[in-house]
Amino acid sequence: MLFRLLRSLAGLGVALCLTSSVAAMSVLPGCASHRATEIPKPTRRAYFADKIVVKKSQRRLYLMRDGKPFRTYRISLGANPEGHKRYRGDNRTPEGRYTIDWRNPRSKFYKALHISYPNLEDRISARRAGWDPGGAIMIHGEPGFAQYAELRDAVSKEDWTQGCIAVSNLALDEIWRYTTDGTPIEILP
């Protein structure tokens, strides 16, 4: 079938040039100009963030690509937002370099992206002080299930989480779409 199609196109004076990345058609003899018709293949970089930057003092989360922000979101932090998280229950959002290491599409907060806190440095520091560093630090949306309805009133306050980074559900949908597991996240004071 394909062979018959190619033979009939050749009979019409159409040259079909095949390269490793694209097929180009030309009504001119030869295929010298086929490179001009090539369409670049989309790359991962064109569609995904290569880094997340959180600036706690600005209450902003930035999706970055090639060192520049391409999306910005307002955030809420832990109820005690100043300083680095040191132990479970201090209501602080950690500061430092981490990664997004897994996702929860059925979180009680709409959806959630897990931040790899505590890292080795956090665990060592907490152990030296005799504390539990805590964990389960997420970027998450608004409370979702009926049993968490009492939290919906708290969402309107600026900082209401227990150390997580909260965004609107619409913002979380975009963050979810533009990141992958392994995306680095830097949380700054």
N, C-alpha and C. Protein backbone atom coordinates (compact mmCIF):
# COMPACT_ATOMS: atom_id res chain seq x y z
N MET A 1 0.83 -1.19 0.00
CA MET A 1 0.00 0.00 0.00
C MET A 1 0.87 1.25 0.00
N LEU A 2 1.80 1.34 0.94
CA LEU A 2 2.70 2.49 1.01
C LEU A 2 3.55 2.59 -0.24
N PHE A 3 4.00 1.42 -0.74
CA PHE A 3 4.84 1.42 -1.93
C PHE A 3 4.07 1.97 -3.12
N ARG A 4 2.79 1.59 -3.28
CA ARG A 4 1.96 2.10 -4.38
C ARG A 4 1.76 3.60 -4.28
N LEU A 5 1.58 4.10 -3.07
CA LEU A 5 1.41 5.54 -2.87
C LEU A 5 2.68 6.28 -3.27
N LEU A 6 3.83 5.78 -2.85
CA LEU A 6 5.10 6.41 -3.19
C LEU A 6 5.34 6.40 -4.70
N ARG A 7 5.00 5.28 -5.35
CA ARG A 7 5.19 5.19 -6.81
C ARG A 7 4.26 6.15 -7.53
N SER A 8 3.03 6.32 -7.08
CA SER A 8 2.12 7.24 -7.74
C SER A 8 2.55 8.69 -7.53
N LEU A 9 3.09 9.01 -6.35
CA LEU A 9 3.61 10.37 -6.12
C LEU A 9 4.80 10.64 -7.02
N ALA A 10 5.67 9.66 -7.19
CA ALA A 10 6.82 9.83 -8.08
C ALA A 10 6.36 10.04 -9.50
N GLY A 11 5.28 9.35 -9.92
CA GLY A 11 4.74 9.52 -11.27
C GLY A 11 4.20 10.91 -11.49
N LEU A 12 3.81 11.60 -10.42
CA LEU A 12 3.30 12.97 -10.52
C LEU A 12 4.42 14.00 -10.45
N GLY A 13 5.65 13.56 -10.31
CA GLY A 13 6.77 14.49 -10.23
C GLY A 13 7.02 15.00 -8.83
N VAL A 14 6.52 14.31 -7.82
CA VAL A 14 6.73 14.70 -6.43
C VAL A 14 7.84 13.83 -5.86
N ALA A 15 8.86 14.45 -5.34
CA ALA A 15 9.94 13.69 -4.72
C ALA A 15 9.69 13.63 -3.22
N LEU A 16 9.81 12.46 -2.66
CA LEU A 16 9.62 12.28 -1.23
C LEU A 16 10.99 11.98 -0.62
N CYS A 17 11.42 12.84 0.29
CA CYS A 17 12.73 12.69 0.91
C CYS A 17 12.52 12.26 2.35
N LEU A 18 13.14 11.19 2.74
CA LEU A 18 13.02 10.71 4.10
C LEU A 18 14.34 10.95 4.83
N THR A 19 14.23 11.56 5.99
CA THR A 19 15.40 11.72 6.85
C THR A 19 15.08 11.03 8.16
N SER A 20 16.01 11.02 9.07
CA SER A 20 15.78 10.33 10.34
C SER A 20 14.74 11.05 11.18
N SER A 21 14.52 12.34 10.96
CA SER A 21 13.61 13.06 11.84
C SER A 21 12.33 13.53 11.18
N VAL A 22 12.28 13.61 9.84
CA VAL A 22 11.09 14.17 9.20
C VAL A 22 11.01 13.72 7.75
N ALA A 23 9.79 13.61 7.25
CA ALA A 23 9.60 13.35 5.83
C ALA A 23 9.19 14.67 5.19
N ALA A 24 9.85 15.04 4.10
CA ALA A 24 9.56 16.31 3.44
C ALA A 24 9.18 16.02 1.99
N MET A 25 8.19 16.71 1.49
CA MET A 25 7.77 16.53 0.10
C MET A 25 8.17 17.76 -0.69
N SER A 26 8.57 17.53 -1.94
CA SER A 26 8.97 18.63 -2.80
C SER A 26 8.51 18.32 -4.21
N VAL A 27 8.07 19.35 -4.94
CA VAL A 27 7.72 19.15 -6.34
C VAL A 27 8.93 19.39 -7.23
N LEU A 28 10.02 19.80 -6.66
CA LEU A 28 11.25 20.01 -7.41
C LEU A 28 12.08 18.74 -7.38
N PRO A 29 12.88 18.53 -8.41
CA PRO A 29 13.73 17.35 -8.39
C PRO A 29 14.75 17.43 -7.26
N GLY A 30 15.04 16.31 -6.65
CA GLY A 30 16.03 16.27 -5.58
C GLY A 30 15.44 16.75 -4.28
N CYS A 31 16.27 16.74 -3.27
CA CYS A 31 15.79 17.10 -1.94
C CYS A 31 16.75 18.03 -1.24
N ALA A 32 17.41 18.88 -1.97
CA ALA A 32 18.42 19.75 -1.37
C ALA A 32 17.83 20.68 -0.33
N SER A 33 16.56 21.05 -0.46
CA SER A 33 15.98 22.03 0.46
C SER A 33 15.19 21.41 1.60
N HIS A 34 15.30 20.10 1.80
CA HIS A 34 14.45 19.46 2.81
C HIS A 34 14.73 19.96 4.22
N ARG A 35 15.91 20.43 4.53
CA ARG A 35 16.21 20.89 5.88
C ARG A 35 15.37 22.12 6.25
N ALA A 36 15.03 22.93 5.29
CA ALA A 36 14.23 24.12 5.57
C ALA A 36 12.81 23.75 6.00
N THR A 37 12.36 22.56 5.64
CA THR A 37 10.99 22.17 5.99
C THR A 37 10.92 21.36 7.28
N GLU A 38 12.07 21.04 7.88
CA GLU A 38 12.05 20.26 9.11
C GLU A 38 11.42 21.05 10.25
N ILE A 39 10.62 20.36 11.02
CA ILE A 39 10.00 20.96 12.20
C ILE A 39 10.71 20.39 13.42
N PRO A 40 11.23 21.25 14.28
CA PRO A 40 11.95 20.71 15.44
C PRO A 40 11.03 19.90 16.34
N LYS A 41 11.54 18.82 16.86
CA LYS A 41 10.77 18.00 17.79
C LYS A 41 10.65 18.74 19.11
N PRO A 42 9.47 18.67 19.75
CA PRO A 42 9.34 19.30 21.06
C PRO A 42 10.24 18.59 22.07
N THR A 43 10.80 19.36 22.96
CA THR A 43 11.65 18.79 23.99
C THR A 43 10.97 18.95 25.34
N ARG A 44 11.42 18.19 26.31
CA ARG A 44 10.89 18.29 27.67
C ARG A 44 10.99 19.70 28.19
N ARG A 45 12.11 20.36 27.90
CA ARG A 45 12.35 21.71 28.39
C ARG A 45 11.30 22.70 27.91
N ALA A 46 10.73 22.43 26.76
CA ALA A 46 9.76 23.36 26.21
C ALA A 46 8.44 23.36 26.97
N TYR A 47 8.17 22.31 27.73
CA TYR A 47 6.86 22.19 28.36
C TYR A 47 6.88 22.09 29.88
N PHE A 48 8.02 21.81 30.48
CA PHE A 48 8.08 21.59 31.91
C PHE A 48 8.99 22.59 32.60
N ALA A 49 8.72 22.80 33.87
CA ALA A 49 9.61 23.62 34.70
C ALA A 49 10.87 22.82 34.96
N ASP A 50 12.02 23.50 34.93
CA ASP A 50 13.25 22.80 35.29
C ASP A 50 13.62 23.07 36.74
N LYS A 51 12.83 23.94 37.42
CA LYS A 51 13.07 24.23 38.83
C LYS A 51 11.85 24.96 39.39
N ILE A 52 11.62 24.78 40.69
CA ILE A 52 10.61 25.55 41.42
C ILE A 52 11.38 26.40 42.43
N VAL A 53 11.04 27.68 42.51
CA VAL A 53 11.62 28.57 43.51
C VAL A 53 10.49 29.10 44.37
N VAL A 54 10.65 28.99 45.69
CA VAL A 54 9.68 29.53 46.64
C VAL A 54 10.38 30.64 47.41
N LYS A 55 9.78 31.82 47.43
CA LYS A 55 10.29 32.94 48.22
C LYS A 55 9.28 33.18 49.34
N LYS A 56 9.62 32.68 50.52
CA LYS A 56 8.69 32.73 51.64
C LYS A 56 8.30 34.17 52.00
N SER A 57 9.26 35.07 52.03
CA SER A 57 8.96 36.46 52.43
C SER A 57 8.02 37.14 51.44
N GLN A 58 8.04 36.72 50.19
CA GLN A 58 7.15 37.29 49.18
C GLN A 58 5.83 36.53 49.06
N ARG A 59 5.75 35.36 49.71
CA ARG A 59 4.60 34.47 49.59
C ARG A 59 4.33 34.15 48.12
N ARG A 60 5.40 33.74 47.43
CA ARG A 60 5.30 33.43 46.00
C ARG A 60 6.04 32.13 45.68
N LEU A 61 5.46 31.38 44.73
CA LEU A 61 6.08 30.20 44.16
C LEU A 61 6.26 30.49 42.69
N TYR A 62 7.46 30.24 42.17
CA TYR A 62 7.80 30.50 40.78
C TYR A 62 8.15 29.19 40.08
N LEU A 63 7.52 28.92 38.95
CA LEU A 63 7.96 27.84 38.09
C LEU A 63 8.99 28.44 37.14
N MET A 64 10.18 27.83 37.10
CA MET A 64 11.31 28.39 36.35
C MET A 64 11.63 27.50 35.14
N ARG A 65 12.06 28.16 34.08
CA ARG A 65 12.58 27.47 32.90
C ARG A 65 13.74 28.30 32.38
N ASP A 66 14.89 27.69 32.27
CA ASP A 66 16.10 28.37 31.80
C ASP A 66 16.42 29.60 32.63
N GLY A 67 16.22 29.51 33.94
CA GLY A 67 16.57 30.59 34.86
C GLY A 67 15.58 31.72 34.94
N LYS A 68 14.45 31.59 34.25
CA LYS A 68 13.44 32.66 34.24
C LYS A 68 12.08 32.11 34.67
N PRO A 69 11.33 32.87 35.46
CA PRO A 69 10.00 32.40 35.84
C PRO A 69 9.02 32.47 34.67
N PHE A 70 8.23 31.41 34.49
CA PHE A 70 7.18 31.46 33.47
C PHE A 70 5.79 31.33 34.07
N ARG A 71 5.68 31.03 35.36
CA ARG A 71 4.43 31.05 36.10
C ARG A 71 4.74 31.48 37.53
N THR A 72 3.83 32.26 38.13
CA THR A 72 3.98 32.75 39.50
C THR A 72 2.67 32.52 40.23
N TYR A 73 2.76 32.06 41.49
CA TYR A 73 1.56 31.77 42.28
C TYR A 73 1.70 32.34 43.68
N ARG A 74 0.59 32.81 44.23
CA ARG A 74 0.53 33.23 45.63
C ARG A 74 0.45 31.97 46.48
N ILE A 75 1.15 31.98 47.61
CA ILE A 75 1.19 30.81 48.48
C ILE A 75 0.84 31.17 49.92
N SER A 76 0.46 30.16 50.68
CA SER A 76 0.35 30.25 52.13
C SER A 76 1.37 29.28 52.70
N LEU A 77 1.90 29.62 53.86
CA LEU A 77 2.95 28.82 54.49
C LEU A 77 2.48 28.27 55.82
N GLY A 78 3.44 27.70 56.56
CA GLY A 78 3.17 27.25 57.91
C GLY A 78 2.76 28.41 58.79
N ALA A 79 2.00 28.13 59.82
CA ALA A 79 1.46 29.16 60.71
C ALA A 79 2.57 29.94 61.44
N ASN A 80 3.77 29.40 61.50
CA ASN A 80 4.93 30.06 62.10
C ASN A 80 6.00 30.15 61.00
N PRO A 81 5.83 31.06 60.03
CA PRO A 81 6.58 30.98 58.78
C PRO A 81 8.06 31.39 58.81
N GLU A 82 8.47 32.15 59.80
CA GLU A 82 9.86 32.65 59.76
C GLU A 82 10.83 31.60 60.26
N GLY A 83 11.93 31.45 59.51
CA GLY A 83 12.97 30.50 59.87
C GLY A 83 12.75 29.13 59.25
N HIS A 84 13.79 28.32 59.33
CA HIS A 84 13.80 26.98 58.76
C HIS A 84 13.10 25.99 59.69
N LYS A 85 12.39 25.05 59.12
CA LYS A 85 11.75 23.99 59.91
C LYS A 85 12.84 23.21 60.62
N ARG A 86 12.63 23.00 61.94
CA ARG A 86 13.63 22.27 62.72
C ARG A 86 13.10 20.99 63.31
N TYR A 87 11.80 20.96 63.64
CA TYR A 87 11.25 19.75 64.25
C TYR A 87 9.76 19.65 63.98
N ARG A 88 9.25 18.43 64.12
CA ARG A 88 7.82 18.15 63.91
C ARG A 88 7.00 19.03 64.84
N GLY A 89 5.99 19.70 64.27
CA GLY A 89 5.08 20.49 65.08
C GLY A 89 5.47 21.94 65.26
N ASP A 90 6.60 22.39 64.66
CA ASP A 90 6.99 23.80 64.83
C ASP A 90 6.24 24.73 63.87
N ASN A 91 5.40 24.17 62.99
CA ASN A 91 4.57 24.93 62.04
C ASN A 91 5.40 25.83 61.12
N ARG A 92 6.62 25.42 60.82
CA ARG A 92 7.47 26.19 59.91
C ARG A 92 7.60 25.44 58.58
N THR A 93 7.77 26.22 57.54
CA THR A 93 8.05 25.67 56.21
C THR A 93 9.57 25.60 56.06
N PRO A 94 10.10 24.47 55.61
CA PRO A 94 11.57 24.35 55.51
C PRO A 94 12.16 25.33 54.52
N GLU A 95 13.45 25.55 54.65
CA GLU A 95 14.22 26.36 53.70
C GLU A 95 15.39 25.51 53.23
N GLY A 96 15.70 25.59 51.96
CA GLY A 96 16.81 24.82 51.43
C GLY A 96 16.48 24.26 50.06
N ARG A 97 17.32 23.30 49.63
CA ARG A 97 17.17 22.67 48.32
C ARG A 97 16.67 21.24 48.49
N TYR A 98 15.59 20.96 47.78
CA TYR A 98 14.94 19.67 47.84
C TYR A 98 14.50 19.29 46.44
N THR A 99 13.71 18.22 46.32
CA THR A 99 13.11 17.84 45.04
C THR A 99 11.65 17.45 45.28
N ILE A 100 10.88 17.46 44.21
CA ILE A 100 9.54 16.88 44.24
C ILE A 100 9.77 15.39 44.01
N ASP A 101 9.41 14.56 45.00
CA ASP A 101 9.77 13.15 44.85
C ASP A 101 8.59 12.19 44.71
N TRP A 102 7.37 12.62 44.96
CA TRP A 102 6.18 11.82 44.65
C TRP A 102 4.94 12.70 44.72
N ARG A 103 3.83 12.15 44.22
CA ARG A 103 2.56 12.88 44.11
C ARG A 103 1.43 12.10 44.75
N ASN A 104 0.46 12.86 45.27
CA ASN A 104 -0.73 12.23 45.83
C ASN A 104 -1.96 12.86 45.18
N PRO A 105 -2.57 12.19 44.22
CA PRO A 105 -3.76 12.75 43.56
C PRO A 105 -5.01 12.70 44.42
N ARG A 106 -4.97 11.98 45.56
CA ARG A 106 -6.15 11.82 46.42
C ARG A 106 -5.91 12.43 47.81
N SER A 107 -5.13 13.46 47.87
CA SER A 107 -4.82 14.12 49.13
C SER A 107 -6.08 14.74 49.73
N LYS A 108 -6.10 14.90 51.05
CA LYS A 108 -7.22 15.61 51.68
C LYS A 108 -7.21 17.09 51.30
N PHE A 109 -6.11 17.55 50.72
CA PHE A 109 -5.99 18.92 50.23
C PHE A 109 -5.98 18.92 48.70
N TYR A 110 -7.01 18.42 48.08
CA TYR A 110 -7.20 18.39 46.64
C TYR A 110 -6.16 17.49 45.98
N LYS A 111 -4.94 17.94 45.78
CA LYS A 111 -3.82 17.16 45.27
C LYS A 111 -2.60 17.62 46.06
N ALA A 112 -1.53 16.82 46.01
CA ALA A 112 -0.33 17.22 46.75
C ALA A 112 0.92 16.69 46.07
N LEU A 113 1.96 17.52 46.07
CA LEU A 113 3.29 17.16 45.59
C LEU A 113 4.22 17.10 46.80
N HIS A 114 4.86 15.98 47.02
CA HIS A 114 5.72 15.82 48.19
C HIS A 114 7.09 16.44 47.96
N ILE A 115 7.55 17.21 48.94
CA ILE A 115 8.89 17.81 48.94
C ILE A 115 9.80 16.89 49.74
N SER A 116 11.00 16.65 49.28
CA SER A 116 11.90 15.66 49.88
C SER A 116 12.50 16.07 51.22
N TYR A 117 11.81 16.91 51.98
CA TYR A 117 12.22 17.24 53.34
C TYR A 117 11.86 16.06 54.25
N PRO A 118 12.69 15.66 55.19
CA PRO A 118 13.99 16.21 55.54
C PRO A 118 15.11 15.58 54.71
N ASN A 119 16.07 16.42 54.33
CA ASN A 119 17.25 15.88 53.66
C ASN A 119 18.26 15.43 54.72
N LEU A 120 19.41 14.97 54.30
CA LEU A 120 20.40 14.45 55.25
C LEU A 120 20.81 15.51 56.27
N GLU A 121 21.05 16.72 55.80
CA GLU A 121 21.44 17.82 56.70
C GLU A 121 20.36 18.09 57.75
N ASP A 122 19.10 18.08 57.32
CA ASP A 122 17.98 18.30 58.26
C ASP A 122 17.91 17.19 59.30
N ARG A 123 18.10 15.95 58.88
CA ARG A 123 18.05 14.82 59.82
C ARG A 123 19.19 14.87 60.82
N ILE A 124 20.39 15.20 60.35
CA ILE A 124 21.54 15.29 61.25
C ILE A 124 21.33 16.39 62.27
N SER A 125 20.89 17.55 61.81
CA SER A 125 20.67 18.69 62.70
C SER A 125 19.62 18.36 63.76
N ALA A 126 18.52 17.73 63.35
CA ALA A 126 17.46 17.37 64.30
C ALA A 126 17.95 16.31 65.29
N ARG A 127 18.70 15.34 64.80
CA ARG A 127 19.19 14.28 65.69
C ARG A 127 20.12 14.85 66.75
N ARG A 128 21.01 15.77 66.35
CA ARG A 128 21.93 16.39 67.31
C ARG A 128 21.18 17.14 68.41
N ALA A 129 20.04 17.73 68.04
CA ALA A 129 19.25 18.49 69.01
C ALA A 129 18.27 17.59 69.78
N GLY A 130 18.18 16.33 69.37
CA GLY A 130 17.26 15.42 70.04
C GLY A 130 15.82 15.57 69.58
N TRP A 131 15.60 16.07 68.38
CA TRP A 131 14.26 16.31 67.85
C TRP A 131 13.92 15.35 66.73
N ASP A 132 12.64 15.24 66.46
CA ASP A 132 12.13 14.55 65.27
C ASP A 132 11.98 15.64 64.20
N PRO A 133 12.65 15.52 63.04
CA PRO A 133 12.58 16.60 62.05
C PRO A 133 11.21 16.75 61.39
N GLY A 134 10.36 15.76 61.55
CA GLY A 134 9.06 15.82 60.89
C GLY A 134 9.19 15.38 59.44
N GLY A 135 8.18 15.61 58.69
CA GLY A 135 8.16 15.21 57.28
C GLY A 135 6.81 15.54 56.69
N ALA A 136 6.47 14.86 55.62
CA ALA A 136 5.19 15.08 54.93
C ALA A 136 4.98 16.54 54.57
N ILE A 137 6.05 17.20 54.10
CA ILE A 137 5.93 18.59 53.63
C ILE A 137 5.55 18.54 52.16
N MET A 138 4.47 19.21 51.84
CA MET A 138 3.88 19.14 50.50
C MET A 138 3.61 20.52 49.93
N ILE A 139 3.49 20.55 48.62
CA ILE A 139 2.81 21.67 47.94
C ILE A 139 1.41 21.11 47.68
N HIS A 140 0.39 21.75 48.26
CA HIS A 140 -0.95 21.20 48.11
C HIS A 140 -1.97 22.30 47.86
N GLY A 141 -3.17 21.84 47.47
CA GLY A 141 -4.28 22.75 47.22
C GLY A 141 -5.10 22.97 48.47
N GLU A 142 -6.33 23.36 48.25
CA GLU A 142 -7.25 23.69 49.33
C GLU A 142 -7.86 22.41 49.92
N PRO A 143 -8.38 22.48 51.14
CA PRO A 143 -9.02 21.30 51.72
C PRO A 143 -10.12 20.78 50.81
N GLY A 144 -10.20 19.45 50.69
CA GLY A 144 -11.10 18.90 49.70
C GLY A 144 -12.29 18.12 50.21
N PHE A 145 -12.16 17.36 51.26
CA PHE A 145 -13.23 16.49 51.69
C PHE A 145 -14.10 17.14 52.76
N ALA A 146 -15.33 16.69 52.87
CA ALA A 146 -16.29 17.29 53.80
C ALA A 146 -15.81 17.26 55.25
N GLN A 147 -15.09 16.21 55.64
CA GLN A 147 -14.64 16.13 57.03
C GLN A 147 -13.59 17.19 57.36
N TYR A 148 -13.04 17.86 56.35
CA TYR A 148 -12.06 18.93 56.58
C TYR A 148 -12.66 20.31 56.32
N ALA A 149 -13.97 20.40 56.38
CA ALA A 149 -14.66 21.65 56.08
C ALA A 149 -14.21 22.78 57.01
N GLU A 150 -13.87 22.46 58.26
CA GLU A 150 -13.44 23.50 59.20
C GLU A 150 -12.16 24.19 58.73
N LEU A 151 -11.37 23.54 57.89
CA LEU A 151 -10.14 24.16 57.39
C LEU A 151 -10.41 25.19 56.30
N ARG A 152 -11.57 25.10 55.65
CA ARG A 152 -11.86 26.02 54.55
C ARG A 152 -11.85 27.48 55.01
N ASP A 153 -12.30 27.73 56.25
CA ASP A 153 -12.27 29.11 56.77
C ASP A 153 -10.84 29.57 56.98
N ALA A 154 -9.96 28.66 57.39
CA ALA A 154 -8.56 29.02 57.65
C ALA A 154 -7.81 29.35 56.37
N VAL A 155 -8.27 28.82 55.23
CA VAL A 155 -7.56 29.03 53.96
C VAL A 155 -7.48 30.51 53.61
N SER A 156 -8.46 31.29 54.03
CA SER A 156 -8.44 32.72 53.70
C SER A 156 -7.35 33.47 54.46
N LYS A 157 -6.83 32.88 55.54
CA LYS A 157 -5.74 33.51 56.27
C LYS A 157 -4.45 33.33 55.49
N GLU A 158 -3.50 34.21 55.71
CA GLU A 158 -2.28 34.15 54.91
C GLU A 158 -1.48 32.88 55.16
N ASP A 159 -1.20 32.54 56.40
CA ASP A 159 -0.39 31.37 56.71
C ASP A 159 -1.19 30.46 57.63
N TRP A 160 -1.55 29.27 57.15
CA TRP A 160 -2.44 28.41 57.89
C TRP A 160 -2.02 26.95 57.92
N THR A 161 -0.98 26.57 57.18
CA THR A 161 -0.61 25.15 57.13
C THR A 161 0.26 24.78 58.34
N GLN A 162 0.61 23.52 58.43
CA GLN A 162 1.50 23.05 59.49
C GLN A 162 2.95 22.97 59.00
N GLY A 163 3.23 23.64 57.90
CA GLY A 163 4.58 23.65 57.35
C GLY A 163 4.60 23.43 55.85
N CYS A 164 3.47 23.09 55.28
CA CYS A 164 3.38 22.88 53.84
C CYS A 164 3.29 24.21 53.10
N ILE A 165 3.30 24.12 51.79
CA ILE A 165 3.11 25.27 50.91
C ILE A 165 1.76 25.06 50.23
N ALA A 166 0.81 25.94 50.51
CA ALA A 166 -0.54 25.80 49.97
C ALA A 166 -0.77 26.81 48.86
N VAL A 167 -1.47 26.36 47.82
CA VAL A 167 -1.86 27.21 46.70
C VAL A 167 -3.33 26.93 46.38
N SER A 168 -3.91 27.71 45.51
CA SER A 168 -5.28 27.45 45.09
C SER A 168 -5.32 26.15 44.27
N ASN A 169 -6.49 25.57 44.18
CA ASN A 169 -6.63 24.34 43.39
C ASN A 169 -6.27 24.56 41.93
N LEU A 170 -6.67 25.70 41.39
CA LEU A 170 -6.33 26.02 40.00
C LEU A 170 -4.81 26.11 39.81
N ALA A 171 -4.15 26.77 40.75
CA ALA A 171 -2.69 26.87 40.69
C ALA A 171 -2.06 25.49 40.79
N LEU A 172 -2.58 24.64 41.68
CA LEU A 172 -2.00 23.31 41.84
C LEU A 172 -2.15 22.49 40.57
N ASP A 173 -3.27 22.64 39.88
CA ASP A 173 -3.43 21.93 38.61
C ASP A 173 -2.31 22.31 37.63
N GLU A 174 -1.98 23.60 37.56
CA GLU A 174 -0.90 24.02 36.66
C GLU A 174 0.45 23.51 37.15
N ILE A 175 0.74 23.63 38.43
CA ILE A 175 2.01 23.16 38.98
C ILE A 175 2.15 21.66 38.72
N TRP A 176 1.09 20.92 38.93
CA TRP A 176 1.06 19.48 38.70
C TRP A 176 1.43 19.18 37.25
N ARG A 177 0.84 19.94 36.32
CA ARG A 177 1.04 19.71 34.90
C ARG A 177 2.45 20.09 34.43
N TYR A 178 3.03 21.14 35.01
CA TYR A 178 4.32 21.65 34.54
C TYR A 178 5.53 21.08 35.27
N THR A 179 5.32 20.14 36.21
CA THR A 179 6.45 19.55 36.93
C THR A 179 6.39 18.03 36.82
N THR A 180 7.52 17.41 37.12
CA THR A 180 7.61 15.96 37.16
C THR A 180 8.28 15.57 38.47
N ASP A 181 8.18 14.31 38.84
CA ASP A 181 8.95 13.83 39.99
C ASP A 181 10.41 14.04 39.65
N GLY A 182 11.16 14.56 40.61
CA GLY A 182 12.56 14.88 40.38
C GLY A 182 12.82 16.35 40.11
N THR A 183 11.75 17.15 39.95
CA THR A 183 11.94 18.59 39.74
C THR A 183 12.55 19.18 41.00
N PRO A 184 13.68 19.91 40.87
CA PRO A 184 14.27 20.55 42.05
C PRO A 184 13.40 21.69 42.56
N ILE A 185 13.41 21.88 43.87
CA ILE A 185 12.70 23.00 44.48
C ILE A 185 13.65 23.67 45.47
N GLU A 186 13.75 24.99 45.36
CA GLU A 186 14.58 25.77 46.29
C GLU A 186 13.65 26.67 47.08
N ILE A 187 13.68 26.54 48.39
CA ILE A 187 12.82 27.33 49.27
C ILE A 187 13.70 28.34 49.98
N LEU A 188 13.44 29.61 49.69
CA LEU A 188 14.25 30.71 50.22
C LEU A 188 13.48 31.45 51.31
N PRO A 189 14.23 32.08 52.25
CA PRO A 189 13.54 32.85 53.32
C PRO A 189 12.62 33.94 52.77
